[in-house]
Amino acid sequence: MEHTITYVGLDVHKDTIAVAAAERGNRGDIRRYGTIANTPAALRSLATKLGHNGAALRFGYEAGPCGYGAQRLLTAAGHDCVVVAPSLIPRRPGDRIKTDRRDAINLAKLHRAGELTPVWVPDQAHEAIRDLVRARQAAVRTVRQGRQQLSGFLLRHGHHYNRPAWTLMHRRWLSGLQFEHAAHYIVLEDCIATIEAATARRDRLESVRRLHEGLQSFLSIRRMEARRRKASALWLRFSQSFARRRQRPSQPMVRSTIQRLGRTTNPLA
């Protein structure tokens, strides 16, 4: 008996999820389930209601700012769920009207037709490293923007440093600048404080990232060492077994050798 497959399109937002379902084989029947809350309990209830008749559920939704929480929850519940690349979703020319309902129906229809391109879903550890790298990149951008803001402020007031900037000598040069108004000193100190705070944040995140990379390298070496010891033990066991077989030839081999020697030593037999 052929199992029923239901393709479910999800249009995921921060608070709500628009749902549409399409049965396999029925090209025209795409039903809109409605809108549910974007909570784990609501997703589990949705999967239970859609699969009450024993149908296999295949979910799909666009990758977006809500992350992969829905995919992990549905996969852990035993359902197939893909996260698709928004830029690779087929769209008809002139179809520029986007609503939650239409997006969910379109995802269900395309998922049933096999025209969606899934993206790779990282595990939670990999995603945590991604967040760490993004935080460091944001800190680097903050440092660069703060330095550009300070350089622009100084250039507007006729101060230009003709040597490599952001060194100890450059910091001393900044502390010796003279301005006409007291407000300019306040701006200068604020820019310097912003740069120093962003630099400290960048260095802190960089040290954490290097520590994590070193830990991962150490764990990889430990795993490789364990594999090497296991392979060495298997090879030693195989070598000993092979040596014992060579020292003790099998009975058919001994019998054939004796017969051959007997024919050689007694040709008249």
C-alpha atoms as a PDB file:
ATOM      1  CA  MET A   1       0.000   0.000   0.000  1.00  0.00           C
ATOM      2  CA  GLU A   2       1.390   3.376  -0.971  1.00  0.00           C
ATOM      3  CA  HIS A   3       1.855   5.780   1.888  1.00  0.00           C
ATOM      4  CA  THR A   4       0.287   9.215   1.705  1.00  0.00           C
ATOM      5  CA  ILE A   5       2.719  12.129   1.675  1.00  0.00           C
ATOM      6  CA  THR A   6       1.703  15.645   2.635  1.00  0.00           C
ATOM      7  CA  TYR A   7       3.956  18.546   1.674  1.00  0.00           C
ATOM      8  CA  VAL A   8       3.671  21.426   4.117  1.00  0.00           C
ATOM      9  CA  GLY A   9       4.816  24.956   3.331  1.00  0.00           C
ATOM     10  CA  LEU A  10       5.661  27.217   6.258  1.00  0.00           C
ATOM     11  CA  ASP A  11       6.042  30.981   6.078  1.00  0.00           C
ATOM     12  CA  VAL A  12       7.915  31.584   9.326  1.00  0.00           C
ATOM     13  CA  HIS A  13       7.888  34.927  11.129  1.00  0.00           C
ATOM     14  CA  LYS A  14       8.867  36.064  14.599  1.00  0.00           C
ATOM     15  CA  ASP A  15       5.439  35.543  16.184  1.00  0.00           C
ATOM     16  CA  THR A  16       3.402  33.560  13.641  1.00  0.00           C
ATOM     17  CA  ILE A  17       3.725  30.837  11.003  1.00  0.00           C
ATOM     18  CA  ALA A  18       1.455  30.649   7.951  1.00  0.00           C
ATOM     19  CA  VAL A  19       0.767  27.036   6.961  1.00  0.00           C
ATOM     20  CA  ALA A  20      -0.353  25.441   3.675  1.00  0.00           C
ATOM     21  CA  ALA A  21      -0.505  21.742   2.782  1.00  0.00           C
ATOM     22  CA  ALA A  22      -0.457  19.865  -0.535  1.00  0.00           C
ATOM     23  CA  GLU A  23      -1.193  16.174  -1.021  1.00  0.00           C
ATOM     24  CA  ARG A  24       1.042  14.149  -3.302  1.00  0.00           C
ATOM     25  CA  GLY A  25      -0.501  13.271  -6.639  1.00  0.00           C
ATOM     26  CA  ASN A  26      -3.320  15.821  -6.469  1.00  0.00           C
ATOM     27  CA  ARG A  27      -1.959  18.751  -8.420  1.00  0.00           C
ATOM     28  CA  GLY A  28      -4.845  21.100  -7.769  1.00  0.00           C
ATOM     29  CA  ASP A  29      -5.575  20.503  -4.089  1.00  0.00           C
ATOM     30  CA  ILE A  30      -3.506  22.909  -1.996  1.00  0.00           C
ATOM     31  CA  ARG A  31      -5.283  23.769   1.208  1.00  0.00           C
ATOM     32  CA  ARG A  32      -4.438  26.610   3.515  1.00  0.00           C
ATOM     33  CA  TYR A  33      -4.266  25.388   7.082  1.00  0.00           C
ATOM     34  CA  GLY A  34      -4.151  28.856   8.612  1.00  0.00           C
ATOM     35  CA  THR A  35      -1.786  30.698  10.922  1.00  0.00           C
ATOM     36  CA  ILE A  36      -0.288  29.322  14.117  1.00  0.00           C
ATOM     37  CA  ALA A  37       1.931  30.792  16.805  1.00  0.00           C
ATOM     38  CA  ASN A  38       5.662  30.415  16.366  1.00  0.00           C
ATOM     39  CA  THR A  39       6.157  28.245  19.445  1.00  0.00           C
ATOM     40  CA  PRO A  40       7.382  24.658  19.897  1.00  0.00           C
ATOM     41  CA  ALA A  41       4.020  23.566  21.299  1.00  0.00           C
ATOM     42  CA  ALA A  42       2.137  24.961  18.295  1.00  0.00           C
ATOM     43  CA  LEU A  43       4.508  23.234  15.853  1.00  0.00           C
ATOM     44  CA  ARG A  44       4.117  19.891  17.609  1.00  0.00           C
ATOM     45  CA  SER A  45       0.329  20.279  17.597  1.00  0.00           C
ATOM     46  CA  LEU A  46       0.421  21.118  13.873  1.00  0.00           C
ATOM     47  CA  ALA A  47       2.444  18.015  13.066  1.00  0.00           C
ATOM     48  CA  THR A  48       0.090  15.861  15.125  1.00  0.00           C
ATOM     49  CA  LYS A  49      -3.036  17.195  13.388  1.00  0.00           C
ATOM     50  CA  LEU A  50      -1.627  16.960   9.861  1.00  0.00           C
ATOM     51  CA  GLY A  51      -0.332  13.433  10.415  1.00  0.00           C
ATOM     52  CA  HIS A  52      -3.348  12.027  12.216  1.00  0.00           C
ATOM     53  CA  ASN A  53      -4.219   9.762   9.248  1.00  0.00           C
ATOM     54  CA  GLY A  54      -0.714   8.267   9.075  1.00  0.00           C
ATOM     55  CA  ALA A  55       0.520  10.541   6.294  1.00  0.00           C
ATOM     56  CA  ALA A  56       4.237  11.246   6.016  1.00  0.00           C
ATOM     57  CA  LEU A  57       4.867  14.954   6.472  1.00  0.00           C
ATOM     58  CA  ARG A  58       7.505  16.866   4.558  1.00  0.00           C
ATOM     59  CA  PHE A  59       7.933  20.437   5.730  1.00  0.00           C
ATOM     60  CA  GLY A  60       9.741  23.271   4.018  1.00  0.00           C
ATOM     61  CA  TYR A  61      10.343  26.933   4.791  1.00  0.00           C
ATOM     62  CA  GLU A  62      12.618  29.754   3.689  1.00  0.00           C
ATOM     63  CA  ALA A  63      15.888  30.480   5.434  1.00  0.00           C
ATOM     64  CA  GLY A  64      15.582  33.717   7.352  1.00  0.00           C
ATOM     65  CA  PRO A  65      16.267  35.571  10.585  1.00  0.00           C
ATOM     66  CA  CYS A  66      14.289  33.059  12.673  1.00  0.00           C
ATOM     67  CA  GLY A  67      17.064  30.497  12.276  1.00  0.00           C
ATOM     68  CA  TYR A  68      16.820  26.710  12.257  1.00  0.00           C
ATOM     69  CA  GLY A  69      14.802  26.120  15.415  1.00  0.00           C
ATOM     70  CA  ALA A  70      11.695  24.916  13.566  1.00  0.00           C
ATOM     71  CA  GLN A  71      13.766  22.567  11.404  1.00  0.00           C
ATOM     72  CA  ARG A  72      15.492  21.014  14.402  1.00  0.00           C
ATOM     73  CA  LEU A  73      12.225  20.606  16.296  1.00  0.00           C
ATOM     74  CA  LEU A  74      10.409  18.928  13.394  1.00  0.00           C
ATOM     75  CA  THR A  75      13.389  16.724  12.551  1.00  0.00           C
ATOM     76  CA  ALA A  76      13.665  15.605  16.167  1.00  0.00           C
ATOM     77  CA  ALA A  77       9.960  14.691  16.023  1.00  0.00           C
ATOM     78  CA  GLY A  78      10.681  12.332  13.104  1.00  0.00           C
ATOM     79  CA  HIS A  79       9.480  14.499  10.217  1.00  0.00           C
ATOM     80  CA  ASP A  80      11.345  15.570   7.109  1.00  0.00           C
ATOM     81  CA  CYS A  81      11.984  19.318   7.054  1.00  0.00           C
ATOM     82  CA  VAL A  82      14.114  21.316   4.647  1.00  0.00           C
ATOM     83  CA  VAL A  83      15.234  24.930   4.798  1.00  0.00           C
ATOM     84  CA  VAL A  84      15.343  26.403   1.314  1.00  0.00           C
ATOM     85  CA  ALA A  85      17.370  29.230  -0.149  1.00  0.00           C
ATOM     86  CA  PRO A  86      15.079  32.220  -0.822  1.00  0.00           C
ATOM     87  CA  SER A  87      17.127  33.378  -3.814  1.00  0.00           C
ATOM     88  CA  LEU A  88      16.712  29.987  -5.546  1.00  0.00           C
ATOM     89  CA  ILE A  89      12.922  29.720  -5.233  1.00  0.00           C
ATOM     90  CA  PRO A  90      11.339  29.782  -8.719  1.00  0.00           C
ATOM     91  CA  ARG A  91       9.139  32.827  -9.258  1.00  0.00           C
ATOM     92  CA  ARG A  92       6.954  33.693 -12.206  1.00  0.00           C
ATOM     93  CA  PRO A  93       7.693  36.951 -14.028  1.00  0.00           C
ATOM     94  CA  GLY A  94       5.513  39.762 -12.739  1.00  0.00           C
ATOM     95  CA  ASP A  95       4.565  37.916  -9.551  1.00  0.00           C
ATOM     96  CA  ARG A  96       5.514  40.628  -7.074  1.00  0.00           C
ATOM     97  CA  ILE A  97       2.654  40.362  -4.587  1.00  0.00           C
ATOM     98  CA  LYS A  98       3.917  38.733  -1.395  1.00  0.00           C
ATOM     99  CA  THR A  99       1.642  37.737   1.450  1.00  0.00           C
ATOM    100  CA  ASP A 100       2.066  35.112   4.140  1.00  0.00           C
ATOM    101  CA  ARG A 101      -0.738  33.018   2.706  1.00  0.00           C
ATOM    102  CA  ARG A 102       0.581  33.098  -0.863  1.00  0.00           C
ATOM    103  CA  ASP A 103       4.130  32.353   0.252  1.00  0.00           C
ATOM    104  CA  ALA A 104       3.045  29.304   2.248  1.00  0.00           C
ATOM    105  CA  ILE A 105       0.944  27.966  -0.641  1.00  0.00           C
ATOM    106  CA  ASN A 106       3.783  28.537  -3.100  1.00  0.00           C
ATOM    107  CA  LEU A 107       6.249  26.710  -0.852  1.00  0.00           C
ATOM    108  CA  ALA A 108       3.917  23.713  -0.492  1.00  0.00           C
ATOM    109  CA  LYS A 109       3.333  23.559  -4.256  1.00  0.00           C
ATOM    110  CA  LEU A 110       7.017  23.840  -5.161  1.00  0.00           C
ATOM    111  CA  HIS A 111       8.018  21.370  -2.470  1.00  0.00           C
ATOM    112  CA  ARG A 112       5.602  18.833  -3.900  1.00  0.00           C
ATOM    113  CA  ALA A 113       7.030  19.436  -7.392  1.00  0.00           C
ATOM    114  CA  GLY A 114      10.603  18.995  -6.134  1.00  0.00           C
ATOM    115  CA  GLU A 115      11.675  22.470  -7.250  1.00  0.00           C
ATOM    116  CA  LEU A 116      13.025  23.749  -3.925  1.00  0.00           C
ATOM    117  CA  THR A 117      16.775  23.935  -3.276  1.00  0.00           C
ATOM    118  CA  PRO A 118      17.607  23.118   0.352  1.00  0.00           C
ATOM    119  CA  VAL A 119      20.487  24.711   2.207  1.00  0.00           C
ATOM    120  CA  TRP A 120      22.840  22.995   4.610  1.00  0.00           C
ATOM    121  CA  VAL A 121      21.570  23.191   8.187  1.00  0.00           C
ATOM    122  CA  PRO A 122      24.408  23.464  10.722  1.00  0.00           C
ATOM    123  CA  ASP A 123      24.264  21.782  14.088  1.00  0.00           C
ATOM    124  CA  GLN A 124      24.028  23.846  17.248  1.00  0.00           C
ATOM    125  CA  ALA A 125      27.781  23.761  17.934  1.00  0.00           C
ATOM    126  CA  HIS A 126      28.593  24.978  14.429  1.00  0.00           C
ATOM    127  CA  GLU A 127      25.966  27.692  14.670  1.00  0.00           C
ATOM    128  CA  ALA A 128      27.441  28.838  17.988  1.00  0.00           C
ATOM    129  CA  ILE A 129      30.822  29.297  16.314  1.00  0.00           C
ATOM    130  CA  ARG A 130      29.113  31.241  13.549  1.00  0.00           C
ATOM    131  CA  ASP A 131      27.628  33.586  16.137  1.00  0.00           C
ATOM    132  CA  LEU A 132      31.051  34.048  17.719  1.00  0.00           C
ATOM    133  CA  VAL A 133      32.610  34.879  14.353  1.00  0.00           C
ATOM    134  CA  ARG A 134      29.796  37.325  13.563  1.00  0.00           C
ATOM    135  CA  ALA A 135      30.270  39.034  16.932  1.00  0.00           C
ATOM    136  CA  ARG A 136      33.984  39.471  16.234  1.00  0.00           C
ATOM    137  CA  GLN A 137      33.252  40.834  12.755  1.00  0.00           C
ATOM    138  CA  ALA A 138      30.803  43.330  14.264  1.00  0.00           C
ATOM    139  CA  ALA A 139      33.485  44.424  16.751  1.00  0.00           C
ATOM    140  CA  VAL A 140      35.987  44.887  13.914  1.00  0.00           C
ATOM    141  CA  ARG A 141      33.472  47.031  12.031  1.00  0.00           C
ATOM    142  CA  THR A 142      32.855  49.112  15.153  1.00  0.00           C
ATOM    143  CA  VAL A 143      36.599  49.733  15.542  1.00  0.00           C
ATOM    144  CA  ARG A 144      36.910  50.740  11.897  1.00  0.00           C
ATOM    145  CA  GLN A 145      33.901  53.049  12.044  1.00  0.00           C
ATOM    146  CA  GLY A 146      35.139  54.691  15.249  1.00  0.00           C
ATOM    147  CA  ARG A 147      38.550  55.320  13.740  1.00  0.00           C
ATOM    148  CA  GLN A 148      37.001  56.776  10.586  1.00  0.00           C
ATOM    149  CA  GLN A 149      34.774  59.036  12.665  1.00  0.00           C
ATOM    150  CA  LEU A 150      37.739  60.308  14.683  1.00  0.00           C
ATOM    151  CA  SER A 151      39.866  60.844  11.568  1.00  0.00           C
ATOM    152  CA  GLY A 152      37.065  62.809   9.920  1.00  0.00           C
ATOM    153  CA  PHE A 153      36.593  64.938  13.028  1.00  0.00           C
ATOM    154  CA  LEU A 154      40.303  65.766  13.187  1.00  0.00           C
ATOM    155  CA  LEU A 155      40.510  66.460   9.461  1.00  0.00           C
ATOM    156  CA  ARG A 156      37.629  68.944   9.676  1.00  0.00           C
ATOM    157  CA  HIS A 157      39.616  70.881  12.259  1.00  0.00           C
ATOM    158  CA  GLY A 158      42.928  70.817  10.401  1.00  0.00           C
ATOM    159  CA  HIS A 159      44.686  68.047  12.332  1.00  0.00           C
ATOM    160  CA  HIS A 160      46.381  65.349  10.276  1.00  0.00           C
ATOM    161  CA  TYR A 161      48.857  62.730  11.470  1.00  0.00           C
ATOM    162  CA  ASN A 162      51.477  61.973   8.792  1.00  0.00           C
ATOM    163  CA  ARG A 163      52.799  58.759  10.373  1.00  0.00           C
ATOM    164  CA  PRO A 164      51.347  55.294  10.898  1.00  0.00           C
ATOM    165  CA  ALA A 165      48.235  55.797  12.980  1.00  0.00           C
ATOM    166  CA  TRP A 166      46.802  53.975  15.998  1.00  0.00           C
ATOM    167  CA  THR A 167      50.143  53.429  17.695  1.00  0.00           C
ATOM    168  CA  LEU A 168      51.391  54.628  21.080  1.00  0.00           C
ATOM    169  CA  MET A 169      52.963  57.688  19.468  1.00  0.00           C
ATOM    170  CA  HIS A 170      49.678  58.441  17.718  1.00  0.00           C
ATOM    171  CA  ARG A 171      47.863  58.216  21.081  1.00  0.00           C
ATOM    172  CA  ARG A 172      50.302  60.702  22.572  1.00  0.00           C
ATOM    173  CA  TRP A 173      49.773  63.001  19.601  1.00  0.00           C
ATOM    174  CA  LEU A 174      46.016  62.855  20.173  1.00  0.00           C
ATOM    175  CA  SER A 175      46.400  63.795  23.821  1.00  0.00           C
ATOM    176  CA  GLY A 176      48.382  66.913  22.859  1.00  0.00           C
ATOM    177  CA  LEU A 177      45.895  68.390  20.370  1.00  0.00           C
ATOM    178  CA  GLN A 178      44.560  71.887  20.914  1.00  0.00           C
ATOM    179  CA  PHE A 179      41.038  73.092  20.028  1.00  0.00           C
ATOM    180  CA  GLU A 180      39.253  76.424  20.247  1.00  0.00           C
ATOM    181  CA  HIS A 181      36.145  75.197  22.077  1.00  0.00           C
ATOM    182  CA  ALA A 182      35.693  72.913  25.058  1.00  0.00           C
ATOM    183  CA  ALA A 183      33.042  70.887  23.207  1.00  0.00           C
ATOM    184  CA  HIS A 184      35.714  69.661  20.783  1.00  0.00           C
ATOM    185  CA  TYR A 185      37.677  68.103  23.649  1.00  0.00           C
ATOM    186  CA  ILE A 186      34.546  66.275  24.751  1.00  0.00           C
ATOM    187  CA  VAL A 187      34.040  64.902  21.237  1.00  0.00           C
ATOM    188  CA  LEU A 188      37.693  63.839  21.047  1.00  0.00           C
ATOM    189  CA  GLU A 189      37.558  61.970  24.360  1.00  0.00           C
ATOM    190  CA  ASP A 190      34.282  60.315  23.399  1.00  0.00           C
ATOM    191  CA  CYS A 191      35.737  59.086  20.084  1.00  0.00           C
ATOM    192  CA  ILE A 192      38.849  57.754  21.810  1.00  0.00           C
ATOM    193  CA  ALA A 193      36.783  55.989  24.491  1.00  0.00           C
ATOM    194  CA  THR A 194      34.590  54.396  21.790  1.00  0.00           C
ATOM    195  CA  ILE A 195      37.628  53.121  19.904  1.00  0.00           C
ATOM    196  CA  GLU A 196      39.273  51.737  23.034  1.00  0.00           C
ATOM    197  CA  ALA A 197      36.093  49.931  24.132  1.00  0.00           C
ATOM    198  CA  ALA A 198      35.577  48.444  20.662  1.00  0.00           C
ATOM    199  CA  THR A 199      39.235  47.391  20.482  1.00  0.00           C
ATOM    200  CA  ALA A 200      39.000  45.650  23.853  1.00  0.00           C
ATOM    201  CA  ARG A 201      35.833  43.869  22.717  1.00  0.00           C
ATOM    202  CA  ARG A 202      37.499  42.778  19.476  1.00  0.00           C
ATOM    203  CA  ASP A 203      40.580  41.456  21.281  1.00  0.00           C
ATOM    204  CA  ARG A 204      38.440  39.615  23.827  1.00  0.00           C
ATOM    205  CA  LEU A 205      36.394  37.883  21.135  1.00  0.00           C
ATOM    206  CA  GLU A 206      39.538  37.086  19.172  1.00  0.00           C
ATOM    207  CA  SER A 207      41.121  35.419  22.199  1.00  0.00           C
ATOM    208  CA  VAL A 208      37.968  33.346  22.768  1.00  0.00           C
ATOM    209  CA  ARG A 209      37.909  32.320  19.116  1.00  0.00           C
ATOM    210  CA  ARG A 210      41.560  31.268  19.191  1.00  0.00           C
ATOM    211  CA  LEU A 211      41.000  29.356  22.410  1.00  0.00           C
ATOM    212  CA  HIS A 212      38.092  27.488  20.845  1.00  0.00           C
ATOM    213  CA  GLU A 213      40.102  26.729  17.696  1.00  0.00           C
ATOM    214  CA  GLY A 214      42.953  25.428  19.845  1.00  0.00           C
ATOM    215  CA  LEU A 215      40.543  23.256  21.821  1.00  0.00           C
ATOM    216  CA  GLN A 216      39.013  21.866  18.642  1.00  0.00           C
ATOM    217  CA  SER A 217      42.481  21.136  17.242  1.00  0.00           C
ATOM    218  CA  PHE A 218      43.430  19.372  20.483  1.00  0.00           C
ATOM    219  CA  LEU A 219      40.257  17.274  20.383  1.00  0.00           C
ATOM    220  CA  SER A 220      40.877  16.437  16.718  1.00  0.00           C
ATOM    221  CA  ILE A 221      44.413  15.303  17.559  1.00  0.00           C
ATOM    222  CA  ARG A 222      43.083  13.183  20.417  1.00  0.00           C
ATOM    223  CA  ARG A 223      40.520  11.572  18.090  1.00  0.00           C
ATOM    224  CA  MET A 224      43.181  10.916  15.440  1.00  0.00           C
ATOM    225  CA  GLU A 225      45.475   9.426  18.094  1.00  0.00           C
ATOM    226  CA  ALA A 226      42.682   7.133  19.293  1.00  0.00           C
ATOM    227  CA  ARG A 227      42.012   6.024  15.712  1.00  0.00           C
ATOM    228  CA  ARG A 228      45.726   5.409  15.155  1.00  0.00           C
ATOM    229  CA  ARG A 229      45.961   3.259  18.301  1.00  0.00           C
ATOM    230  CA  LYS A 230      42.905   1.288  17.224  1.00  0.00           C
ATOM    231  CA  ALA A 231      44.329   0.752  13.741  1.00  0.00           C
ATOM    232  CA  SER A 232      47.681  -0.308  15.226  1.00  0.00           C
ATOM    233  CA  ALA A 233      45.950  -2.818  17.498  1.00  0.00           C
ATOM    234  CA  LEU A 234      43.973  -4.256  14.577  1.00  0.00           C
ATOM    235  CA  TRP A 235      47.118  -4.507  12.463  1.00  0.00           C
ATOM    236  CA  LEU A 236      49.023  -6.238  15.287  1.00  0.00           C
ATOM    237  CA  ARG A 237      46.168  -8.694  15.762  1.00  0.00           C
ATOM    238  CA  PHE A 238      46.071  -9.405  12.026  1.00  0.00           C
ATOM    239  CA  SER A 239      49.861  -9.872  11.883  1.00  0.00           C
ATOM    240  CA  GLN A 240      49.843 -12.325  14.781  1.00  0.00           C
ATOM    241  CA  SER A 241      46.970 -14.283  13.262  1.00  0.00           C
ATOM    242  CA  PHE A 242      48.736 -14.401   9.890  1.00  0.00           C
ATOM    243  CA  ALA A 243      51.976 -15.555  11.543  1.00  0.00           C
ATOM    244  CA  ARG A 244      50.181 -18.380  13.381  1.00  0.00           C
ATOM    245  CA  ARG A 245      48.579 -19.526  10.138  1.00  0.00           C
ATOM    246  CA  ARG A 246      51.961 -19.655   8.430  1.00  0.00           C
ATOM    247  CA  GLN A 247      53.475 -21.629  11.318  1.00  0.00           C
ATOM    248  CA  ARG A 248      50.561 -24.099  11.370  1.00  0.00           C
ATOM    249  CA  PRO A 249      49.566 -24.995   7.787  1.00  0.00           C
ATOM    250  CA  SER A 250      46.093 -26.313   7.278  1.00  0.00           C
ATOM    251  CA  GLN A 251      45.384 -30.055   7.097  1.00  0.00           C
ATOM    252  CA  PRO A 252      44.459 -30.112   3.354  1.00  0.00           C
ATOM    253  CA  MET A 253      47.724 -28.346   2.550  1.00  0.00           C
ATOM    254  CA  VAL A 254      49.723 -30.917   4.594  1.00  0.00           C
ATOM    255  CA  ARG A 255      47.905 -33.818   2.950  1.00  0.00           C
ATOM    256  CA  SER A 256      48.534 -32.499  -0.561  1.00  0.00           C
ATOM    257  CA  THR A 257      52.191 -31.883   0.251  1.00  0.00           C
ATOM    258  CA  ILE A 258      52.673 -35.449   1.569  1.00  0.00           C
ATOM    259  CA  GLN A 259      50.976 -36.938  -1.510  1.00  0.00           C
ATOM    260  CA  ARG A 260      53.159 -34.854  -3.820  1.00  0.00           C
ATOM    261  CA  LEU A 261      56.308 -35.895  -1.983  1.00  0.00           C
ATOM    262  CA  GLY A 262      55.187 -39.504  -2.034  1.00  0.00           C
ATOM    263  CA  ARG A 263      54.764 -39.447  -5.789  1.00  0.00           C
ATOM    264  CA  THR A 264      58.203 -37.901  -6.184  1.00  0.00           C
ATOM    265  CA  THR A 265      60.118 -40.330  -3.942  1.00  0.00           C
ATOM    266  CA  ASN A 266      58.336 -43.472  -5.264  1.00  0.00           C
ATOM    267  CA  PRO A 267      57.709 -43.041  -8.974  1.00  0.00           C
ATOM    268  CA  LEU A 268      56.833 -46.791  -9.417  1.00  0.00           C
ATOM    269  CA  ALA A 269      53.915 -46.584  -7.049  1.00  0.00           C
END
